[in-house]
PDB file of N, CA and C in Angstrom:
ATOM      1  N   MET A   1     -57.077 -85.451 -24.160  1.00  0.00           N
ATOM      2  CA  MET A   1     -58.218 -84.676 -23.759  1.00  0.00           C
ATOM      3  C   MET A   1     -59.292 -84.767 -24.851  1.00  0.00           C
ATOM      4  N   VAL A   2     -60.517 -85.066 -24.443  1.00  0.00           N
ATOM      5  CA  VAL A   2     -61.640 -85.147 -25.373  1.00  0.00           C
ATOM      6  C   VAL A   2     -62.122 -83.740 -25.679  1.00  0.00           C
ATOM      7  N   LYS A   3     -62.197 -83.430 -26.978  1.00  0.00           N
ATOM      8  CA  LYS A   3     -62.627 -82.084 -27.371  1.00  0.00           C
ATOM      9  C   LYS A   3     -64.048 -82.060 -27.920  1.00  0.00           C
ATOM     10  N   ALA A   4     -64.546 -83.228 -28.305  1.00  0.00           N
ATOM     11  CA  ALA A   4     -65.901 -83.255 -28.873  1.00  0.00           C
ATOM     12  C   ALA A   4     -66.458 -84.668 -28.837  1.00  0.00           C
ATOM     13  N   PHE A   5     -67.762 -84.754 -28.840  1.00  0.00           N
ATOM     14  CA  PHE A   5     -68.479 -86.010 -28.987  1.00  0.00           C
ATOM     15  C   PHE A   5     -69.407 -85.861 -30.174  1.00  0.00           C
ATOM     16  N   ILE A   6     -69.562 -86.936 -30.927  1.00  0.00           N
ATOM     17  CA  ILE A   6     -70.512 -86.933 -32.048  1.00  0.00           C
ATOM     18  C   ILE A   6     -71.622 -87.915 -31.721  1.00  0.00           C
ATOM     19  N   PHE A   7     -72.841 -87.414 -31.680  1.00  0.00           N
ATOM     20  CA  PHE A   7     -74.005 -88.256 -31.481  1.00  0.00           C
ATOM     21  C   PHE A   7     -74.675 -88.443 -32.831  1.00  0.00           C
ATOM     22  N   ASP A   8     -74.866 -89.704 -33.212  1.00  0.00           N
ATOM     23  CA  ASP A   8     -75.501 -89.996 -34.496  1.00  0.00           C
ATOM     24  C   ASP A   8     -76.936 -90.431 -34.253  1.00  0.00           C
ATOM     25  N   PHE A   9     -77.857 -89.495 -34.340  1.00  0.00           N
ATOM     26  CA  PHE A   9     -79.262 -89.859 -34.301  1.00  0.00           C
ATOM     27  C   PHE A   9     -79.590 -90.414 -35.669  1.00  0.00           C
ATOM     28  N   ASP A  10     -80.289 -91.527 -35.694  1.00  0.00           N
ATOM     29  CA  ASP A  10     -80.457 -92.284 -36.930  1.00  0.00           C
ATOM     30  C   ASP A  10     -80.840 -91.402 -38.105  1.00  0.00           C
ATOM     31  N   GLY A  11     -80.065 -91.558 -39.156  1.00  0.00           N
ATOM     32  CA  GLY A  11     -80.310 -90.808 -40.368  1.00  0.00           C
ATOM     33  C   GLY A  11     -79.469 -89.563 -40.493  1.00  0.00           C
ATOM     34  N   LEU A  12     -78.861 -89.146 -39.416  1.00  0.00           N
ATOM     35  CA  LEU A  12     -78.040 -87.941 -39.466  1.00  0.00           C
ATOM     36  C   LEU A  12     -76.730 -88.216 -40.201  1.00  0.00           C
ATOM     37  N   ILE A  13     -75.996 -89.217 -39.755  1.00  0.00           N
ATOM     38  CA  ILE A  13     -74.745 -89.583 -40.411  1.00  0.00           C
ATOM     39  C   ILE A  13     -74.929 -90.891 -41.187  1.00  0.00           C
ATOM     40  N   VAL A  14     -75.489 -91.878 -40.542  1.00  0.00           N
ATOM     41  CA  VAL A  14     -75.683 -93.193 -41.158  1.00  0.00           C
ATOM     42  C   VAL A  14     -77.137 -93.620 -40.963  1.00  0.00           C
ATOM     43  N   ASP A  15     -77.786 -94.024 -42.033  1.00  0.00           N
ATOM     44  CA  ASP A  15     -79.159 -94.512 -41.963  1.00  0.00           C
ATOM     45  C   ASP A  15     -79.138 -96.004 -41.665  1.00  0.00           C
ATOM     46  N   THR A  16     -79.554 -96.383 -40.463  1.00  0.00           N
ATOM     47  CA  THR A  16     -79.623 -97.804 -40.126  1.00  0.00           C
ATOM     48  C   THR A  16     -81.055 -98.326 -40.152  1.00  0.00           C
ATOM     49  N   GLU A  17     -82.034 -97.452 -40.174  1.00  0.00           N
ATOM     50  CA  GLU A  17     -83.429 -97.894 -40.170  1.00  0.00           C
ATOM     51  C   GLU A  17     -83.799 -98.646 -41.447  1.00  0.00           C
ATOM     52  N   THR A  18     -83.319 -98.191 -42.586  1.00  0.00           N
ATOM     53  CA  THR A  18     -83.663 -98.845 -43.858  1.00  0.00           C
ATOM     54  C   THR A  18     -83.144-100.276 -43.909  1.00  0.00           C
ATOM     55  N   PRO A  19     -81.872-100.534 -43.597  1.00  0.00           N
ATOM     56  CA  PRO A  19     -81.416-101.930 -43.593  1.00  0.00           C
ATOM     57  C   PRO A  19     -82.150-102.798 -42.566  1.00  0.00           C
ATOM     58  N   TRP A  20     -82.473-102.212 -41.405  1.00  0.00           N
ATOM     59  CA  TRP A  20     -83.244-102.966 -40.412  1.00  0.00           C
ATOM     60  C   TRP A  20     -84.613-103.357 -40.970  1.00  0.00           C
ATOM     61  N   TYR A  21     -85.269-102.427 -41.636  1.00  0.00           N
ATOM     62  CA  TYR A  21     -86.573-102.728 -42.226  1.00  0.00           C
ATOM     63  C   TYR A  21     -86.464-103.859 -43.248  1.00  0.00           C
ATOM     64  N   TYR A  22     -85.494-103.763 -44.152  1.00  0.00           N
ATOM     65  CA  TYR A  22     -85.323-104.802 -45.166  1.00  0.00           C
ATOM     66  C   TYR A  22     -85.034-106.165 -44.539  1.00  0.00           C
ATOM     67  N   ALA A  23     -84.232-106.188 -43.494  1.00  0.00           N
ATOM     68  CA  ALA A  23     -83.914-107.454 -42.826  1.00  0.00           C
ATOM     69  C   ALA A  23     -85.167-108.062 -42.196  1.00  0.00           C
ATOM     70  N   PHE A  24     -85.925-107.254 -41.467  1.00  0.00           N
ATOM     71  CA  PHE A  24     -87.153-107.761 -40.856  1.00  0.00           C
ATOM     72  C   PHE A  24     -88.177-108.151 -41.916  1.00  0.00           C
ATOM     73  N   ARG A  25     -88.300-107.358 -42.977  1.00  0.00           N
ATOM     74  CA  ARG A  25     -89.240-107.683 -44.050  1.00  0.00           C
ATOM     75  C   ARG A  25     -88.914-109.040 -44.663  1.00  0.00           C
ATOM     76  N   ASP A  26     -87.636-109.312 -44.881  1.00  0.00           N
ATOM     77  CA  ASP A  26     -87.222-110.597 -45.447  1.00  0.00           C
ATOM     78  C   ASP A  26     -87.530-111.753 -44.503  1.00  0.00           C
ATOM     79  N   ILE A  27     -87.296-111.554 -43.222  1.00  0.00           N
ATOM     80  CA  ILE A  27     -87.611-112.599 -42.237  1.00  0.00           C
ATOM     81  C   ILE A  27     -89.108-112.859 -42.209  1.00  0.00           C
ATOM     82  N   TYR A  28     -89.905-111.806 -42.214  1.00  0.00           N
ATOM     83  CA  TYR A  28     -91.354-111.964 -42.240  1.00  0.00           C
ATOM     84  C   TYR A  28     -91.783-112.731 -43.486  1.00  0.00           C
ATOM     85  N   GLU A  29     -91.227-112.371 -44.645  1.00  0.00           N
ATOM     86  CA  GLU A  29     -91.579-113.047 -45.895  1.00  0.00           C
ATOM     87  C   GLU A  29     -91.246-114.533 -45.851  1.00  0.00           C
ATOM     88  N   GLU A  30     -90.133-114.891 -45.209  1.00  0.00           N
ATOM     89  CA  GLU A  30     -89.767-116.301 -45.070  1.00  0.00           C
ATOM     90  C   GLU A  30     -90.839-117.080 -44.320  1.00  0.00           C
ATOM     91  N   HIS A  31     -91.589-116.395 -43.482  1.00  0.00           N
ATOM     92  CA  HIS A  31     -92.654-117.031 -42.702  1.00  0.00           C
ATOM     93  C   HIS A  31     -94.044-116.759 -43.281  1.00  0.00           C
ATOM     94  N   GLY A  32     -94.081-116.142 -44.454  1.00  0.00           N
ATOM     95  CA  GLY A  32     -95.360-115.891 -45.109  1.00  0.00           C
ATOM     96  C   GLY A  32     -96.167-114.769 -44.501  1.00  0.00           C
ATOM     97  N   VAL A  33     -95.512-113.843 -43.818  1.00  0.00           N
ATOM     98  CA  VAL A  33     -96.185-112.713 -43.181  1.00  0.00           C
ATOM     99  C   VAL A  33     -95.677-111.430 -43.827  1.00  0.00           C
ATOM    100  N   GLU A  34     -96.588-110.508 -44.128  1.00  0.00           N
ATOM    101  CA  GLU A  34     -96.196-109.245 -44.740  1.00  0.00           C
ATOM    102  C   GLU A  34     -95.867-108.212 -43.665  1.00  0.00           C
ATOM    103  N   LEU A  35     -94.792-107.486 -43.890  1.00  0.00           N
ATOM    104  CA  LEU A  35     -94.420-106.386 -43.006  1.00  0.00           C
ATOM    105  C   LEU A  35     -94.394-105.123 -43.840  1.00  0.00           C
ATOM    106  N   GLY A  36     -95.478-104.370 -43.776  1.00  0.00           N
ATOM    107  CA  GLY A  36     -95.572-103.140 -44.544  1.00  0.00           C
ATOM    108  C   GLY A  36     -94.762-102.017 -43.919  1.00  0.00           C
ATOM    109  N   LEU A  37     -94.371-101.096 -44.753  1.00  0.00           N
ATOM    110  CA  LEU A  37     -93.578 -99.961 -44.290  1.00  0.00           C
ATOM    111  C   LEU A  37     -94.369 -99.107 -43.302  1.00  0.00           C
ATOM    112  N   GLU A  38     -95.669 -99.007 -43.502  1.00  0.00           N
ATOM    113  CA  GLU A  38     -96.498 -98.212 -42.585  1.00  0.00           C
ATOM    114  C   GLU A  38     -96.476 -98.807 -41.174  1.00  0.00           C
ATOM    115  N   LEU A  39     -96.553-100.125 -41.091  1.00  0.00           N
ATOM    116  CA  LEU A  39     -96.495-100.787 -39.787  1.00  0.00           C
ATOM    117  C   LEU A  39     -95.107-100.615 -39.175  1.00  0.00           C
ATOM    118  N   TRP A  40     -94.067-100.830 -39.958  1.00  0.00           N
ATOM    119  CA  TRP A  40     -92.701-100.691 -39.456  1.00  0.00           C
ATOM    120  C   TRP A  40     -92.419 -99.272 -38.964  1.00  0.00           C
ATOM    121  N   SER A  41     -92.983 -98.291 -39.634  1.00  0.00           N
ATOM    122  CA  SER A  41     -92.702 -96.901 -39.271  1.00  0.00           C
ATOM    123  C   SER A  41     -93.184 -96.559 -37.855  1.00  0.00           C
ATOM    124  N   LYS A  42     -94.095 -97.355 -37.299  1.00  0.00           N
ATOM    125  CA  LYS A  42     -94.528 -97.135 -35.915  1.00  0.00           C
ATOM    126  C   LYS A  42     -93.396 -97.397 -34.933  1.00  0.00           C
ATOM    127  N   ASN A  43     -92.382 -98.106 -35.393  1.00  0.00           N
ATOM    128  CA  ASN A  43     -91.254 -98.489 -34.554  1.00  0.00           C
ATOM    129  C   ASN A  43     -90.081 -97.513 -34.675  1.00  0.00           C
ATOM    130  N   VAL A  44     -90.054 -96.727 -35.720  1.00  0.00           N
ATOM    131  CA  VAL A  44     -88.900 -95.863 -36.004  1.00  0.00           C
ATOM    132  C   VAL A  44     -88.832 -94.705 -35.008  1.00  0.00           C
ATOM    133  N   GLY A  45     -87.695 -94.585 -34.350  1.00  0.00           N
ATOM    134  CA  GLY A  45     -87.473 -93.480 -33.425  1.00  0.00           C
ATOM    135  C   GLY A  45     -88.254 -93.562 -32.130  1.00  0.00           C
ATOM    136  N   THR A  46     -88.804 -94.732 -31.840  1.00  0.00           N
ATOM    137  CA  THR A  46     -89.592 -94.898 -30.621  1.00  0.00           C
ATOM    138  C   THR A  46     -89.145 -96.151 -29.892  1.00  0.00           C
ATOM    139  N   SER A  47     -89.861 -96.471 -28.851  1.00  0.00           N
ATOM    140  CA  SER A  47     -89.628 -97.740 -28.162  1.00  0.00           C
ATOM    141  C   SER A  47     -90.497 -98.804 -28.844  1.00  0.00           C
ATOM    142  N   PHE A  48     -90.468 -99.987 -28.310  1.00  0.00           N
ATOM    143  CA  PHE A  48     -91.268-101.074 -28.883  1.00  0.00           C
ATOM    144  C   PHE A  48     -92.707-101.075 -28.365  1.00  0.00           C
ATOM    145  N   GLU A  49     -93.135-100.019 -27.697  1.00  0.00           N
ATOM    146  CA  GLU A  49     -94.481-100.001 -27.125  1.00  0.00           C
ATOM    147  C   GLU A  49     -95.570-100.024 -28.191  1.00  0.00           C
ATOM    148  N   GLU A  50     -95.405 -99.270 -29.249  1.00  0.00           N
ATOM    149  CA  GLU A  50     -96.430 -99.197 -30.297  1.00  0.00           C
ATOM    150  C   GLU A  50     -96.386-100.422 -31.218  1.00  0.00           C
ATOM    151  N   PHE A  51     -95.202-100.832 -31.587  1.00  0.00           N
ATOM    152  CA  PHE A  51     -95.036-101.982 -32.482  1.00  0.00           C
ATOM    153  C   PHE A  51     -93.748-102.689 -32.128  1.00  0.00           C
ATOM    154  N   HIS A  52     -93.857-103.955 -31.760  1.00  0.00           N
ATOM    155  CA  HIS A  52     -92.684-104.771 -31.438  1.00  0.00           C
ATOM    156  C   HIS A  52     -92.556-105.831 -32.530  1.00  0.00           C
ATOM    157  N   PRO A  53     -91.545-105.738 -33.386  1.00  0.00           N
ATOM    158  CA  PRO A  53     -91.466-106.620 -34.550  1.00  0.00           C
ATOM    159  C   PRO A  53     -91.371-108.105 -34.209  1.00  0.00           C
ATOM    160  N   PHE A  54     -90.709-108.459 -33.125  1.00  0.00           N
ATOM    161  CA  PHE A  54     -90.611-109.868 -32.752  1.00  0.00           C
ATOM    162  C   PHE A  54     -91.945-110.405 -32.258  1.00  0.00           C
ATOM    163  N   LEU A  55     -92.588-109.653 -31.376  1.00  0.00           N
ATOM    164  CA  LEU A  55     -93.878-110.094 -30.836  1.00  0.00           C
ATOM    165  C   LEU A  55     -94.954-110.122 -31.913  1.00  0.00           C
ATOM    166  N   TYR A  56     -94.927-109.152 -32.808  1.00  0.00           N
ATOM    167  CA  TYR A  56     -95.919-109.109 -33.881  1.00  0.00           C
ATOM    168  C   TYR A  56     -95.803-110.347 -34.771  1.00  0.00           C
ATOM    169  N   LEU A  57     -94.586-110.736 -35.125  1.00  0.00           N
ATOM    170  CA  LEU A  57     -94.393-111.923 -35.955  1.00  0.00           C
ATOM    171  C   LEU A  57     -94.850-113.169 -35.206  1.00  0.00           C
ATOM    172  N   GLU A  58     -94.501-113.265 -33.948  1.00  0.00           N
ATOM    173  CA  GLU A  58     -94.919-114.425 -33.144  1.00  0.00           C
ATOM    174  C   GLU A  58     -96.439-114.522 -33.091  1.00  0.00           C
ATOM    175  N   GLN A  59     -97.119-113.407 -32.867  1.00  0.00           N
ATOM    176  CA  GLN A  59     -98.584-113.406 -32.809  1.00  0.00           C
ATOM    177  C   GLN A  59     -99.188-113.747 -34.158  1.00  0.00           C
ATOM    178  N   ALA A  60     -98.611-113.244 -35.240  1.00  0.00           N
ATOM    179  CA  ALA A  60     -99.116-113.541 -36.582  1.00  0.00           C
ATOM    180  C   ALA A  60     -98.984-115.022 -36.901  1.00  0.00           C
ATOM    181  N   LEU A  61     -97.899-115.646 -36.468  1.00  0.00           N
ATOM    182  CA  LEU A  61     -97.704-117.075 -36.726  1.00  0.00           C
ATOM    183  C   LEU A  61     -98.625-117.928 -35.890  1.00  0.00           C
ATOM    184  N   GLN A  62     -98.966-117.489 -34.686  1.00  0.00           N
ATOM    185  CA  GLN A  62     -99.881-118.253 -33.833  1.00  0.00           C
ATOM    186  C   GLN A  62    -101.308-118.215 -34.346  1.00  0.00           C
ATOM    187  N   LYS A  63    -101.668-117.201 -35.122  1.00  0.00           N
ATOM    188  CA  LYS A  63    -103.033-117.067 -35.644  1.00  0.00           C
ATOM    189  C   LYS A  63    -103.292-118.012 -36.812  1.00  0.00           C
ATOM    190  N   ARG A  64    -102.283-118.637 -37.310  1.00  0.00           N
ATOM    191  CA  ARG A  64    -102.441-119.543 -38.468  1.00  0.00           C
ATOM    192  C   ARG A  64    -103.022-120.858 -38.079  1.00  0.00           C
TER     193      ARG A  64
END
C-alpha cells in the first residue's frame, strides 16, 4: 500500500537547473555563442515559450 508520494519541484530536494545551465553554457561556448545566466533564467520553471535553448543556438549560428 502506498502511503506517500514525494514530488520534487526543482531545487526542493535536488537542484537540476544549475547542472543543466552549465551543460548548455558549455555547448554554446563550443560554438562561440554566449549563454548568459539572465537569458537562461527565462527558461527556469517555465515552458520553452519565452526562451528555447536549442532554437536560440540554432538561430544564433545562422546569423553568422
